C-alpha atoms as a PDB file:
ATOM      1  CA  VAL A   1     -80.738 -27.696  -1.732  1.00  0.00           C
ATOM      2  CA  LEU A   2     -81.715 -30.843  -3.671  1.00  0.00           C
ATOM      3  CA  ALA A   3     -82.911 -32.551  -0.509  1.00  0.00           C
ATOM      4  CA  LEU A   4     -85.772 -29.997  -0.367  1.00  0.00           C
ATOM      5  CA  GLY A   5     -87.340 -31.769  -3.371  1.00  0.00           C
ATOM      6  CA  LEU A   6     -88.751 -30.699  -6.683  1.00  0.00           C
ATOM      7  CA  LYS A   7     -91.929 -29.261  -5.163  1.00  0.00           C
ATOM      8  CA  PHE A   8     -90.011 -26.780  -3.017  1.00  0.00           C
ATOM      9  CA  ILE A   9     -90.835 -23.213  -4.000  1.00  0.00           C
ATOM     10  CA  LEU A  10     -88.305 -20.454  -3.669  1.00  0.00           C
ATOM     11  CA  LYS A  11     -89.353 -17.053  -2.288  1.00  0.00           C
ATOM     12  CA  CYS A  12     -89.206 -14.452  -5.042  1.00  0.00           C
ATOM     13  CA  ASN A  13     -86.760 -11.665  -4.371  1.00  0.00           C
ATOM     14  CA  LYS A  14     -88.074  -9.549  -7.220  1.00  0.00           C
ATOM     15  CA  ASP A  15     -91.090  -7.165  -7.324  1.00  0.00           C
ATOM     16  CA  LEU A  16     -93.355  -8.743  -9.925  1.00  0.00           C
ATOM     17  CA  THR A  17     -95.988  -5.959  -9.884  1.00  0.00           C
ATOM     18  CA  PRO A  18     -95.138  -4.514 -13.285  1.00  0.00           C
ATOM     19  CA  GLU A  19     -95.078  -7.969 -14.973  1.00  0.00           C
ATOM     20  CA  ILE A  20     -98.455  -8.905 -13.405  1.00  0.00           C
ATOM     21  CA  ALA A  21    -100.110  -5.630 -14.463  1.00  0.00           C
ATOM     22  CA  SER A  22     -98.813  -5.848 -18.026  1.00  0.00           C
ATOM     23  CA  SER A  23     -99.864  -9.516 -18.421  1.00  0.00           C
ATOM     24  CA  ILE A  24    -103.429  -8.856 -17.221  1.00  0.00           C
ATOM     25  CA  GLN A  25    -104.151  -5.989 -19.638  1.00  0.00           C
ATOM     26  CA  PRO A  26    -104.262  -8.068 -22.872  1.00  0.00           C
ATOM     27  CA  THR A  27    -106.401 -10.729 -21.174  1.00  0.00           C
ATOM     28  CA  SER A  28    -108.854  -8.138 -19.782  1.00  0.00           C
ATOM     29  CA  ARG A  29    -109.579  -6.973 -23.378  1.00  0.00           C
ATOM     30  CA  LEU A  30    -111.013 -10.408 -24.143  1.00  0.00           C
ATOM     31  CA  LEU A  31    -113.660 -10.123 -21.399  1.00  0.00           C
ATOM     32  CA  PRO A  32    -117.185  -8.832 -21.984  1.00  0.00           C
ATOM     33  CA  PRO A  33    -117.700  -5.044 -21.636  1.00  0.00           C
ATOM     34  CA  GLY A  34    -117.822  -3.960 -18.038  1.00  0.00           C
ATOM     35  CA  MET A  35    -115.907  -7.011 -16.736  1.00  0.00           C
ATOM     36  CA  ASP A  36    -112.678  -5.712 -18.289  1.00  0.00           C
ATOM     37  CA  TYR A  37    -112.886  -2.533 -16.268  1.00  0.00           C
ATOM     38  CA  SER A  38    -113.768  -4.478 -13.107  1.00  0.00           C
ATOM     39  CA  LEU A  39    -110.753  -6.741 -13.538  1.00  0.00           C
ATOM     40  CA  SER A  40    -108.442  -3.827 -14.234  1.00  0.00           C
ATOM     41  CA  TYR A  41    -109.776  -1.886 -11.242  1.00  0.00           C
ATOM     42  CA  ASP A  42    -109.557  -4.836  -8.877  1.00  0.00           C
ATOM     43  CA  THR A  43    -106.062  -5.723 -10.062  1.00  0.00           C
ATOM     44  CA  ALA A  44    -104.875  -2.135  -9.675  1.00  0.00           C
ATOM     45  CA  ALA A  45    -106.315  -2.029  -6.144  1.00  0.00           C
ATOM     46  CA  ILE A  46    -104.550  -5.228  -5.116  1.00  0.00           C
ATOM     47  CA  LEU A  47    -101.228  -4.218  -6.695  1.00  0.00           C
ATOM     48  CA  ASN A  48    -101.412  -0.758  -5.156  1.00  0.00           C
ATOM     49  CA  SER A  49    -101.898  -2.252  -1.740  1.00  0.00           C
ATOM     50  CA  TYR A  50     -98.778  -4.377  -2.165  1.00  0.00           C
ATOM     51  CA  SER A  51     -95.640  -3.022  -0.563  1.00  0.00           C
ATOM     52  CA  PRO A  52     -92.432  -4.831  -1.625  1.00  0.00           C
ATOM     53  CA  SER A  53     -90.575  -3.694   1.449  1.00  0.00           C
ATOM     54  CA  THR A  54     -93.121  -5.023   3.972  1.00  0.00           C
ATOM     55  CA  ASP A  55     -94.923  -7.788   2.104  1.00  0.00           C
ATOM     56  CA  ARG A  56     -91.848  -9.659   0.793  1.00  0.00           C
ATOM     57  CA  GLN A  57     -90.998 -12.546   3.020  1.00  0.00           C
ATOM     58  CA  ALA A  58     -87.520 -13.416   4.122  1.00  0.00           C
ATOM     59  CA  ASP A  59     -85.441 -15.672   1.888  1.00  0.00           C
ATOM     60  CA  ASN A  60     -86.232 -19.326   2.644  1.00  0.00           C
ATOM     61  CA  LEU A  61     -82.728 -20.528   1.612  1.00  0.00           C
ATOM     62  CA  SER A  62     -79.532 -20.112   3.539  1.00  0.00           C
ATOM     63  CA  THR A  63     -76.577 -18.368   1.851  1.00  0.00           C
ATOM     64  CA  THR A  64     -74.896 -21.692   1.235  1.00  0.00           C
ATOM     65  CA  GLN A  65     -78.054 -23.160  -0.332  1.00  0.00           C
ATOM     66  CA  ARG A  66     -78.522 -20.047  -2.523  1.00  0.00           C
ATOM     67  CA  ARG A  67     -74.907 -20.383  -3.766  1.00  0.00           C
ATOM     68  CA  ALA A  68     -75.396 -24.076  -4.450  1.00  0.00           C
ATOM     69  CA  LEU A  69     -78.583 -23.357  -6.402  1.00  0.00           C
ATOM     70  CA  HIS A  70     -76.756 -20.648  -8.438  1.00  0.00           C
ATOM     71  CA  THR A  71     -74.004 -23.197  -9.266  1.00  0.00           C
ATOM     72  CA  LEU A  72     -76.584 -25.757 -10.358  1.00  0.00           C
ATOM     73  CA  LYS A  73     -78.302 -23.208 -12.584  1.00  0.00           C
ATOM     74  CA  LYS A  74     -75.005 -22.490 -14.355  1.00  0.00           C
ATOM     75  CA  LYS A  75     -74.639 -26.216 -15.113  1.00  0.00           C
ATOM     76  CA  LYS A  76     -78.295 -26.784 -15.951  1.00  0.00           C
ATOM     77  CA  SER A  77     -77.723 -27.543 -19.627  1.00  0.00           C
ATOM     78  CA  ALA A  78     -75.359 -30.425 -18.777  1.00  0.00           C
ATOM     79  CA  LEU A  79     -77.546 -31.929 -15.990  1.00  0.00           C
ATOM     80  CA  ARG A  80     -80.935 -33.598 -15.515  1.00  0.00           C
ATOM     81  CA  PHE A  81     -82.920 -33.110 -12.339  1.00  0.00           C
ATOM     82  CA  LEU A  82     -85.240 -36.053 -11.594  1.00  0.00           C
ATOM     83  CA  PRO A  83     -87.498 -37.061  -8.678  1.00  0.00           C
ATOM     84  CA  ALA A  84     -86.019 -39.899  -6.668  1.00  0.00           C
ATOM     85  CA  ASP A  85     -87.899 -43.226  -6.687  1.00  0.00           C
ATOM     86  CA  LYS A  86     -88.559 -42.913  -2.934  1.00  0.00           C
ATOM     87  CA  GLY A  87     -88.860 -39.941  -0.647  1.00  0.00           C
ATOM     88  CA  ASN A  88     -89.131 -36.279  -1.520  1.00  0.00           C
ATOM     89  CA  ALA A  89     -85.654 -35.937  -2.952  1.00  0.00           C
ATOM     90  CA  THR A  90     -84.075 -34.934  -6.202  1.00  0.00           C
ATOM     91  CA  VAL A  91     -81.470 -36.904  -8.149  1.00  0.00           C
ATOM     92  CA  VAL A  92     -79.023 -35.065 -10.410  1.00  0.00           C
ATOM     93  CA  VAL A  93     -77.411 -36.898 -13.283  1.00  0.00           C
ATOM     94  CA  THR A  94     -75.599 -35.894 -16.449  1.00  0.00           C
ATOM     95  CA  HIS A  95     -77.368 -36.286 -19.803  1.00  0.00           C
ATOM     96  CA  GLN A  96     -74.986 -39.134 -20.651  1.00  0.00           C
ATOM     97  CA  GLN A  97     -75.717 -40.990 -17.404  1.00  0.00           C
ATOM     98  CA  TYR A  98     -79.469 -40.527 -17.997  1.00  0.00           C
ATOM     99  CA  HIS A  99     -79.118 -41.845 -21.613  1.00  0.00           C
ATOM    100  CA  ASP A 100     -77.051 -44.873 -20.487  1.00  0.00           C
ATOM    101  CA  LYS A 101     -79.549 -45.710 -17.729  1.00  0.00           C
ATOM    102  CA  MET A 102     -82.520 -45.506 -20.175  1.00  0.00           C
ATOM    103  CA  LEU A 103     -80.724 -47.772 -22.684  1.00  0.00           C
ATOM    104  CA  ALA A 104     -79.872 -50.273 -19.928  1.00  0.00           C
ATOM    105  CA  HIS A 105     -83.541 -50.216 -18.807  1.00  0.00           C
ATOM    106  CA  LEU A 106     -84.834 -50.734 -22.336  1.00  0.00           C
ATOM    107  CA  ASN A 107     -82.387 -53.538 -23.054  1.00  0.00           C
ATOM    108  CA  SER A 108     -82.950 -55.353 -19.773  1.00  0.00           C
ATOM    109  CA  GLY A 109     -85.298 -57.772 -21.527  1.00  0.00           C
ATOM    110  CA  GLY A 110     -88.739 -59.100 -20.734  1.00  0.00           C
ATOM    111  CA  VAL A 111     -90.406 -55.721 -20.339  1.00  0.00           C
ATOM    112  CA  TYR A 112     -90.008 -54.054 -23.750  1.00  0.00           C
ATOM    113  CA  SER A 113     -89.839 -55.492 -27.260  1.00  0.00           C
ATOM    114  CA  ILE A 114     -89.299 -54.063 -30.734  1.00  0.00           C
ATOM    115  CA  LEU A 115     -92.482 -53.890 -32.756  1.00  0.00           C
ATOM    116  CA  ASN A 116     -92.593 -54.836 -36.488  1.00  0.00           C
ATOM    117  CA  SER A 117     -94.959 -51.950 -37.246  1.00  0.00           C
ATOM    118  CA  ASP A 118     -96.642 -48.953 -35.637  1.00  0.00           C
ATOM    119  CA  PRO A 119     -99.848 -50.102 -33.932  1.00  0.00           C
ATOM    120  CA  THR A 120    -101.259 -46.599 -33.518  1.00  0.00           C
ATOM    121  CA  SER A 121    -103.696 -46.655 -36.424  1.00  0.00           C
ATOM    122  CA  SER A 122    -104.997 -50.139 -35.539  1.00  0.00           C
ATOM    123  CA  LEU A 123    -105.522 -49.127 -31.908  1.00  0.00           C
ATOM    124  CA  ALA A 124    -107.180 -45.891 -32.966  1.00  0.00           C
ATOM    125  CA  SER A 125    -109.652 -47.690 -35.231  1.00  0.00           C
ATOM    126  CA  LYS A 126    -110.502 -50.232 -32.506  1.00  0.00           C
ATOM    127  CA  LEU A 127    -111.062 -47.392 -30.028  1.00  0.00           C
ATOM    128  CA  ASP A 128    -113.208 -45.573 -32.602  1.00  0.00           C
ATOM    129  CA  ARG A 129    -115.411 -48.667 -33.067  1.00  0.00           C
ATOM    130  CA  ILE A 130    -115.817 -49.114 -29.335  1.00  0.00           C
ATOM    131  CA  LEU A 131    -116.748 -45.488 -28.835  1.00  0.00           C
ATOM    132  CA  LYS A 132    -119.273 -45.571 -31.701  1.00  0.00           C
ATOM    133  CA  LYS A 133    -120.965 -48.619 -30.193  1.00  0.00           C
ATOM    134  CA  PHE A 134    -121.067 -46.928 -26.808  1.00  0.00           C
ATOM    135  CA  LEU A 135    -122.533 -43.719 -28.244  1.00  0.00           C
ATOM    136  CA  PHE A 136    -125.082 -45.687 -30.300  1.00  0.00           C
ATOM    137  CA  ARG A 137    -126.230 -47.475 -27.099  1.00  0.00           C
ATOM    138  CA  GLN A 138    -126.472 -44.171 -25.251  1.00  0.00           C
ATOM    139  CA  GLU A 139    -128.531 -42.591 -28.037  1.00  0.00           C
ATOM    140  CA  ASN A 140    -130.948 -45.510 -28.196  1.00  0.00           C
ATOM    141  CA  TYR A 141    -131.315 -45.863 -24.417  1.00  0.00           C
ATOM    142  CA  GLU A 142    -134.538 -44.389 -23.164  1.00  0.00           C
ATOM    143  CA  ARG A 143    -134.174 -42.850 -19.785  1.00  0.00           C
ATOM    144  CA  PRO A 144    -137.121 -43.169 -17.402  1.00  0.00           C
ATOM    145  CA  LEU A 145    -138.860 -39.880 -16.535  1.00  0.00           C
ATOM    146  CA  LEU A 146    -138.159 -38.725 -13.013  1.00  0.00           C
END
């Protein structure tokens, strides 16, 4: 199952028509008058044309893959699912393995260093000055008439 990658999408075995209809109603109330009725009407027409028995596609996982996925879901709180460095695969590690790997990466030296203070405010003020200069130049720049 994991070899399918993180972007693999499972086919839904559940009829989502009621959830779709109920989630659209509050949103349609925010639309201008007239559009709300149009959205409701169009949505109802689409949902009424949907037939779960004929429109639902076959499961795209084998029975073994479905069981493996179910087992992984049970253990989800103890595991981390990460994209592999290469290829379209998924790596599964425990939280402790992930934590240990991150600490080893941070302590490997040369790449990261501990800062004496938080540079956020200094960087924000420098960025603010640069943006103000840029905006001032834009405001004072006269564009030629086309």
